[in-house]
Amino acid sequence: MENSGLLRLLCVASVTLMVHAAPSRSVTDDIAVLKERMDRQTLATTALRAKVGDLEQSFRQSLSLTSQLIKDVNQQLTARSTSVAFFARLDKSYENIGAWETIVFKTVVTNEGGAYDGITGVFTAPVNGTYVFYSNIMTKEGTSIETSLKVNDINKLYLYSGGPTGFYGPGSNMAVLNLNSGDKVKMVKHGPWGSEPFYIHVNWSTFSGFLLNTSF
């Protein structure tokens, strides 16, 4: 009887220990599971952040392309509605113009678009396109003068004017040029060439130009 009672007591103690030990193992397992889930969540969050970064970069690129497209369209609309044409002549004769000096045609008769500056004698292309320029330079008898049309300080067209004794001598030329917006065009005395005095007659010397068509 005593042995049977002791055996029953041991069984009860064992069951009690098992009941109390089981929750401890379950909590450990739960912690491991939660840790695994957190690790997976961290990886997922990192991947999501990378995707968000890629989307932000793609959005910025798309925004830049859209802005450039809008700019190009606005430029085309402006260019197509732009009228560019000018005609100017001297307000007084040049008695002896210096080498490479700009010929300033101060009397502006026509200036559609306002691209020609009668103070500096410089035409500034407002848009990309094909332009036509024409100039007539007259000098007095017994002298000769060489002039040129410059684009951004590069000679693009030359004129020779000279008159024999008893006659004034005109010279004229025309150029068709592809220009970019902002290009500078002017007429100048071409170096020291000719015979002094380098005279340019007020009434017969002109400079004109116009936009033939736009380009992009």
C-alpha atoms as a PDB file:
ATOM      1  CA  MET A   1       0.000   0.000   0.000  1.00  0.00           C
ATOM      2  CA  GLU A   2       2.738   2.378   0.791  1.00  0.00           C
ATOM      3  CA  ASN A   3       4.488   1.632  -2.547  1.00  0.00           C
ATOM      4  CA  SER A   4       1.258   2.154  -4.478  1.00  0.00           C
ATOM      5  CA  GLY A   5       0.708   5.491  -2.804  1.00  0.00           C
ATOM      6  CA  LEU A   6       4.242   6.565  -3.552  1.00  0.00           C
ATOM      7  CA  LEU A   7       3.862   5.576  -7.193  1.00  0.00           C
ATOM      8  CA  ARG A   8       0.672   7.564  -7.524  1.00  0.00           C
ATOM      9  CA  LEU A   9       2.390  10.547  -5.941  1.00  0.00           C
ATOM     10  CA  LEU A  10       5.286  10.318  -8.435  1.00  0.00           C
ATOM     11  CA  CYS A  11       2.875  10.164 -11.396  1.00  0.00           C
ATOM     12  CA  VAL A  12       1.003  13.219 -10.185  1.00  0.00           C
ATOM     13  CA  ALA A  13       4.301  15.090  -9.733  1.00  0.00           C
ATOM     14  CA  SER A  14       5.444  14.128 -13.241  1.00  0.00           C
ATOM     15  CA  VAL A  15       2.187  15.304 -14.826  1.00  0.00           C
ATOM     16  CA  THR A  16       2.413  18.535 -12.865  1.00  0.00           C
ATOM     17  CA  LEU A  17       5.963  19.119 -14.109  1.00  0.00           C
ATOM     18  CA  MET A  18       4.899  18.445 -17.706  1.00  0.00           C
ATOM     19  CA  VAL A  19       1.999  20.860 -17.441  1.00  0.00           C
ATOM     20  CA  HIS A  20       4.240  23.603 -16.074  1.00  0.00           C
ATOM     21  CA  ALA A  21       7.098  22.936 -18.555  1.00  0.00           C
ATOM     22  CA  ALA A  22       4.936  22.957 -21.717  1.00  0.00           C
ATOM     23  CA  PRO A  23       4.159  26.691 -21.733  1.00  0.00           C
ATOM     24  CA  SER A  24       7.877  27.522 -21.411  1.00  0.00           C
ATOM     25  CA  ARG A  25       8.709  25.634 -24.657  1.00  0.00           C
ATOM     26  CA  SER A  26       5.720  27.195 -26.419  1.00  0.00           C
ATOM     27  CA  VAL A  27       6.848  30.752 -25.629  1.00  0.00           C
ATOM     28  CA  THR A  28      10.333  29.983 -26.964  1.00  0.00           C
ATOM     29  CA  ASP A  29       8.850  28.659 -30.169  1.00  0.00           C
ATOM     30  CA  ASP A  30       6.590  31.696 -30.478  1.00  0.00           C
ATOM     31  CA  ILE A  31       9.549  34.015 -30.062  1.00  0.00           C
ATOM     32  CA  ALA A  32      11.435  32.160 -32.781  1.00  0.00           C
ATOM     33  CA  VAL A  33       8.430  32.355 -35.092  1.00  0.00           C
ATOM     34  CA  LEU A  34       7.974  36.048 -34.416  1.00  0.00           C
ATOM     35  CA  LYS A  35      11.671  36.684 -35.059  1.00  0.00           C
ATOM     36  CA  GLU A  36      11.454  34.842 -38.347  1.00  0.00           C
ATOM     37  CA  ARG A  37       8.398  36.888 -39.303  1.00  0.00           C
ATOM     38  CA  MET A  38      10.168  40.120 -38.368  1.00  0.00           C
ATOM     39  CA  ASP A  39      13.172  39.139 -40.483  1.00  0.00           C
ATOM     40  CA  ARG A  40      10.913  38.446 -43.444  1.00  0.00           C
ATOM     41  CA  GLN A  41       9.103  41.731 -42.844  1.00  0.00           C
ATOM     42  CA  THR A  42      12.423  43.580 -42.730  1.00  0.00           C
ATOM     43  CA  LEU A  43      13.461  42.049 -46.048  1.00  0.00           C
ATOM     44  CA  ALA A  44      10.083  42.911 -47.551  1.00  0.00           C
ATOM     45  CA  THR A  45      10.335  46.492 -46.284  1.00  0.00           C
ATOM     46  CA  THR A  46      13.837  46.846 -47.720  1.00  0.00           C
ATOM     47  CA  ALA A  47      12.660  45.534 -51.088  1.00  0.00           C
ATOM     48  CA  LEU A  48       9.661  47.865 -50.999  1.00  0.00           C
ATOM     49  CA  ARG A  49      11.876  50.854 -50.260  1.00  0.00           C
ATOM     50  CA  ALA A  50      14.083  49.936 -53.232  1.00  0.00           C
ATOM     51  CA  LYS A  51      11.014  49.746 -55.471  1.00  0.00           C
ATOM     52  CA  VAL A  52       9.791  53.098 -54.172  1.00  0.00           C
ATOM     53  CA  GLY A  53      13.232  54.578 -54.918  1.00  0.00           C
ATOM     54  CA  ASP A  54      13.098  53.210 -58.468  1.00  0.00           C
ATOM     55  CA  LEU A  55       9.613  54.636 -58.930  1.00  0.00           C
ATOM     56  CA  GLU A  56      10.729  58.040 -57.645  1.00  0.00           C
ATOM     57  CA  GLN A  57      13.664  58.044 -60.088  1.00  0.00           C
ATOM     58  CA  SER A  58      11.384  57.029 -62.970  1.00  0.00           C
ATOM     59  CA  PHE A  59       8.942  59.756 -61.973  1.00  0.00           C
ATOM     60  CA  ARG A  60      11.678  62.389 -61.912  1.00  0.00           C
ATOM     61  CA  GLN A  61      12.895  61.281 -65.356  1.00  0.00           C
ATOM     62  CA  SER A  62       9.357  61.354 -66.725  1.00  0.00           C
ATOM     63  CA  LEU A  63       8.806  64.803 -65.222  1.00  0.00           C
ATOM     64  CA  SER A  64      12.037  66.067 -66.813  1.00  0.00           C
ATOM     65  CA  LEU A  65      11.064  64.665 -70.214  1.00  0.00           C
ATOM     66  CA  THR A  66       7.584  66.160 -69.905  1.00  0.00           C
ATOM     67  CA  SER A  67       9.011  69.567 -68.998  1.00  0.00           C
ATOM     68  CA  GLN A  68      11.377  69.441 -71.990  1.00  0.00           C
ATOM     69  CA  LEU A  69       8.498  68.420 -74.274  1.00  0.00           C
ATOM     70  CA  ILE A  70       6.380  71.324 -73.047  1.00  0.00           C
ATOM     71  CA  LYS A  71       9.326  73.673 -73.578  1.00  0.00           C
ATOM     72  CA  ASP A  72       9.851  72.406 -77.132  1.00  0.00           C
ATOM     73  CA  VAL A  73       6.159  72.731 -77.971  1.00  0.00           C
ATOM     74  CA  ASN A  74       6.030  76.264 -76.582  1.00  0.00           C
ATOM     75  CA  GLN A  75       9.141  77.164 -78.585  1.00  0.00           C
ATOM     76  CA  GLN A  76       7.567  75.816 -81.766  1.00  0.00           C
ATOM     77  CA  LEU A  77       4.333  77.703 -81.139  1.00  0.00           C
ATOM     78  CA  THR A  78       6.259  80.903 -80.426  1.00  0.00           C
ATOM     79  CA  ALA A  79       8.450  80.477 -83.501  1.00  0.00           C
ATOM     80  CA  ARG A  80       5.517  79.859 -85.802  1.00  0.00           C
ATOM     81  CA  SER A  81       3.838  83.009 -84.576  1.00  0.00           C
ATOM     82  CA  THR A  82       7.043  85.075 -84.770  1.00  0.00           C
ATOM     83  CA  SER A  83       7.426  87.596 -87.560  1.00  0.00           C
ATOM     84  CA  VAL A  84      11.039  88.723 -88.013  1.00  0.00           C
ATOM     85  CA  ALA A  85      12.062  91.322 -90.587  1.00  0.00           C
ATOM     86  CA  PHE A  86      14.114  94.513 -90.508  1.00  0.00           C
ATOM     87  CA  PHE A  87      15.335  97.246 -92.805  1.00  0.00           C
ATOM     88  CA  ALA A  88      17.714 100.035 -91.758  1.00  0.00           C
ATOM     89  CA  ARG A  89      19.935 102.681 -93.304  1.00  0.00           C
ATOM     90  CA  LEU A  90      22.590 105.142 -92.149  1.00  0.00           C
ATOM     91  CA  ASP A  91      21.685 108.375 -90.430  1.00  0.00           C
ATOM     92  CA  LYS A  92      24.890 109.998 -91.691  1.00  0.00           C
ATOM     93  CA  SER A  93      27.847 109.108 -93.910  1.00  0.00           C
ATOM     94  CA  TYR A  94      30.986 107.455 -92.589  1.00  0.00           C
ATOM     95  CA  GLU A  95      33.856 109.702 -93.716  1.00  0.00           C
ATOM     96  CA  ASN A  96      36.616 107.187 -92.899  1.00  0.00           C
ATOM     97  CA  ILE A  97      35.430 104.106 -90.999  1.00  0.00           C
ATOM     98  CA  GLY A  98      38.064 102.108 -89.101  1.00  0.00           C
ATOM     99  CA  ALA A  99      39.143  98.527 -89.758  1.00  0.00           C
ATOM    100  CA  TRP A 100      36.660  95.954 -88.369  1.00  0.00           C
ATOM    101  CA  GLU A 101      34.413  98.728 -87.070  1.00  0.00           C
ATOM    102  CA  THR A 102      30.708  97.870 -86.943  1.00  0.00           C
ATOM    103  CA  ILE A 103      28.603  99.720 -89.497  1.00  0.00           C
ATOM    104  CA  VAL A 104      25.651 100.991 -87.480  1.00  0.00           C
ATOM    105  CA  PHE A 105      22.519 101.572 -89.536  1.00  0.00           C
ATOM    106  CA  LYS A 106      20.750 103.834 -87.052  1.00  0.00           C
ATOM    107  CA  THR A 107      17.716 104.816 -89.105  1.00  0.00           C
ATOM    108  CA  VAL A 108      15.444 101.812 -88.576  1.00  0.00           C
ATOM    109  CA  VAL A 109      12.578 101.745 -91.074  1.00  0.00           C
ATOM    110  CA  THR A 110      11.175  98.281 -90.329  1.00  0.00           C
ATOM    111  CA  ASN A 111      11.834  96.079 -87.307  1.00  0.00           C
ATOM    112  CA  GLU A 112       9.210  93.325 -87.032  1.00  0.00           C
ATOM    113  CA  GLY A 113       9.978  91.263 -83.936  1.00  0.00           C
ATOM    114  CA  GLY A 114      12.470  93.840 -82.606  1.00  0.00           C
ATOM    115  CA  ALA A 115      15.517  91.674 -83.372  1.00  0.00           C
ATOM    116  CA  TYR A 116      17.622  94.498 -84.882  1.00  0.00           C
ATOM    117  CA  ASP A 117      19.274  97.038 -82.559  1.00  0.00           C
ATOM    118  CA  GLY A 118      19.676 100.433 -84.220  1.00  0.00           C
ATOM    119  CA  ILE A 119      22.059 101.591 -81.485  1.00  0.00           C
ATOM    120  CA  THR A 120      24.614  98.796 -81.832  1.00  0.00           C
ATOM    121  CA  GLY A 121      23.902  97.758 -85.431  1.00  0.00           C
ATOM    122  CA  VAL A 122      23.535  94.126 -84.321  1.00  0.00           C
ATOM    123  CA  PHE A 123      20.760  91.713 -85.294  1.00  0.00           C
ATOM    124  CA  THR A 124      20.072  88.920 -82.760  1.00  0.00           C
ATOM    125  CA  ALA A 125      18.293  85.830 -84.053  1.00  0.00           C
ATOM    126  CA  PRO A 126      15.209  85.274 -81.854  1.00  0.00           C
ATOM    127  CA  VAL A 127      14.641  81.645 -82.946  1.00  0.00           C
ATOM    128  CA  ASN A 128      16.434  78.842 -84.759  1.00  0.00           C
ATOM    129  CA  GLY A 129      15.842  79.086 -88.471  1.00  0.00           C
ATOM    130  CA  THR A 130      16.905  80.110 -91.958  1.00  0.00           C
ATOM    131  CA  TYR A 131      17.444  83.843 -92.443  1.00  0.00           C
ATOM    132  CA  VAL A 132      18.059  86.039 -95.469  1.00  0.00           C
ATOM    133  CA  PHE A 133      20.315  89.134 -95.254  1.00  0.00           C
ATOM    134  CA  TYR A 134      21.056  91.809 -97.822  1.00  0.00           C
ATOM    135  CA  SER A 135      23.296  94.862 -97.735  1.00  0.00           C
ATOM    136  CA  ASN A 136      24.190  97.634-100.149  1.00  0.00           C
ATOM    137  CA  ILE A 137      27.248  99.801 -99.492  1.00  0.00           C
ATOM    138  CA  MET A 138      28.097 102.841-101.610  1.00  0.00           C
ATOM    139  CA  THR A 139      31.402 104.699-101.528  1.00  0.00           C
ATOM    140  CA  LYS A 140      32.443 107.883-103.324  1.00  0.00           C
ATOM    141  CA  GLU A 141      34.464 108.355-106.486  1.00  0.00           C
ATOM    142  CA  GLY A 142      38.118 107.492-106.502  1.00  0.00           C
ATOM    143  CA  THR A 143      37.900 105.242-103.426  1.00  0.00           C
ATOM    144  CA  SER A 144      37.150 101.616-102.666  1.00  0.00           C
ATOM    145  CA  ILE A 145      36.026  99.790 -99.553  1.00  0.00           C
ATOM    146  CA  GLU A 146      35.587  96.177 -98.496  1.00  0.00           C
ATOM    147  CA  THR A 147      32.889  95.227 -95.992  1.00  0.00           C
ATOM    148  CA  SER A 148      31.613  91.937 -94.617  1.00  0.00           C
ATOM    149  CA  LEU A 149      28.691  90.394 -92.792  1.00  0.00           C
ATOM    150  CA  LYS A 150      29.695  88.639 -89.593  1.00  0.00           C
ATOM    151  CA  VAL A 151      27.848  85.986 -87.595  1.00  0.00           C
ATOM    152  CA  ASN A 152      29.253  85.719 -84.074  1.00  0.00           C
ATOM    153  CA  ASP A 153      32.415  87.498 -85.300  1.00  0.00           C
ATOM    154  CA  ILE A 154      32.902  85.062 -88.213  1.00  0.00           C
ATOM    155  CA  ASN A 155      32.835  86.449 -91.756  1.00  0.00           C
ATOM    156  CA  LYS A 156      29.983  84.971 -93.785  1.00  0.00           C
ATOM    157  CA  LEU A 157      29.600  87.413 -96.693  1.00  0.00           C
ATOM    158  CA  TYR A 158      31.827  89.977 -98.426  1.00  0.00           C
ATOM    159  CA  LEU A 159      31.111  93.165-100.360  1.00  0.00           C
ATOM    160  CA  TYR A 160      33.355  95.277-102.546  1.00  0.00           C
ATOM    161  CA  SER A 161      32.389  98.840-103.354  1.00  0.00           C
ATOM    162  CA  GLY A 162      34.437 101.177-105.538  1.00  0.00           C
ATOM    163  CA  GLY A 163      33.877 104.059-107.899  1.00  0.00           C
ATOM    164  CA  PRO A 164      36.037 105.321-110.756  1.00  0.00           C
ATOM    165  CA  THR A 165      36.704 109.023-111.132  1.00  0.00           C
ATOM    166  CA  GLY A 166      33.473 110.906-111.570  1.00  0.00           C
ATOM    167  CA  PHE A 167      31.221 108.122-110.215  1.00  0.00           C
ATOM    168  CA  TYR A 168      30.090 106.783-106.881  1.00  0.00           C
ATOM    169  CA  GLY A 169      30.534 103.021-106.557  1.00  0.00           C
ATOM    170  CA  PRO A 170      27.978 100.698-104.921  1.00  0.00           C
ATOM    171  CA  GLY A 171      28.446  97.095-103.898  1.00  0.00           C
ATOM    172  CA  SER A 172      25.790  94.659-102.713  1.00  0.00           C
ATOM    173  CA  ASN A 173      25.399  91.020-101.736  1.00  0.00           C
ATOM    174  CA  MET A 174      22.897  88.635-100.160  1.00  0.00           C
ATOM    175  CA  ALA A 175      23.288  85.676 -97.812  1.00  0.00           C
ATOM    176  CA  VAL A 176      20.960  82.840 -96.778  1.00  0.00           C
ATOM    177  CA  LEU A 177      22.089  81.524 -93.398  1.00  0.00           C
ATOM    178  CA  ASN A 178      20.987  78.927 -90.864  1.00  0.00           C
ATOM    179  CA  LEU A 179      21.141  80.548 -87.435  1.00  0.00           C
ATOM    180  CA  ASN A 180      20.566  79.459 -83.879  1.00  0.00           C
ATOM    181  CA  SER A 181      18.620  81.494 -81.382  1.00  0.00           C
ATOM    182  CA  GLY A 182      20.938  84.143 -79.923  1.00  0.00           C
ATOM    183  CA  ASP A 183      23.347  84.335 -82.880  1.00  0.00           C
ATOM    184  CA  LYS A 184      24.650  87.868 -83.557  1.00  0.00           C
ATOM    185  CA  VAL A 185      24.750  89.317 -87.078  1.00  0.00           C
ATOM    186  CA  LYS A 186      26.246  92.640 -88.173  1.00  0.00           C
ATOM    187  CA  MET A 187      27.989  94.467 -91.018  1.00  0.00           C
ATOM    188  CA  VAL A 188      31.598  95.613 -90.499  1.00  0.00           C
ATOM    189  CA  LYS A 189      34.448  97.277 -92.349  1.00  0.00           C
ATOM    190  CA  HIS A 190      36.458  94.288 -93.593  1.00  0.00           C
ATOM    191  CA  GLY A 191      39.937  94.884 -92.232  1.00  0.00           C
ATOM    192  CA  PRO A 192      42.194  97.568 -93.737  1.00  0.00           C
ATOM    193  CA  TRP A 193      41.523  96.607 -97.349  1.00  0.00           C
ATOM    194  CA  GLY A 194      40.483  99.171 -99.923  1.00  0.00           C
ATOM    195  CA  SER A 195      41.675 102.684-100.577  1.00  0.00           C
ATOM    196  CA  GLU A 196      41.269 105.438 -98.028  1.00  0.00           C
ATOM    197  CA  PRO A 197      39.331 107.330 -97.030  1.00  0.00           C
ATOM    198  CA  PHE A 198      36.908 104.474 -96.311  1.00  0.00           C
ATOM    199  CA  TYR A 199      33.770 106.398 -97.100  1.00  0.00           C
ATOM    200  CA  ILE A 200      30.203 105.016 -96.848  1.00  0.00           C
ATOM    201  CA  HIS A 201      27.376 107.118 -98.309  1.00  0.00           C
ATOM    202  CA  VAL A 202      24.388 107.825 -96.077  1.00  0.00           C
ATOM    203  CA  ASN A 203      21.530 107.668 -98.600  1.00  0.00           C
ATOM    204  CA  TRP A 204      22.536 104.586-100.571  1.00  0.00           C
ATOM    205  CA  SER A 205      23.834 102.249 -97.855  1.00  0.00           C
ATOM    206  CA  THR A 206      21.360  99.835 -96.268  1.00  0.00           C
ATOM    207  CA  PHE A 207      21.122  96.625 -94.262  1.00  0.00           C
ATOM    208  CA  SER A 208      18.083  94.321 -94.168  1.00  0.00           C
ATOM    209  CA  GLY A 209      17.062  90.780 -93.299  1.00  0.00           C
ATOM    210  CA  PHE A 210      14.155  88.499 -92.521  1.00  0.00           C
ATOM    211  CA  LEU A 211      13.288  85.048 -91.180  1.00  0.00           C
ATOM    212  CA  LEU A 212      12.576  82.666 -94.059  1.00  0.00           C
ATOM    213  CA  ASN A 213      11.473  79.683 -91.948  1.00  0.00           C
ATOM    214  CA  THR A 214      12.000  78.222 -88.493  1.00  0.00           C
ATOM    215  CA  SER A 215      13.826  75.019 -87.569  1.00  0.00           C
ATOM    216  CA  PHE A 216      14.201  72.930 -84.383  1.00  0.00           C
END
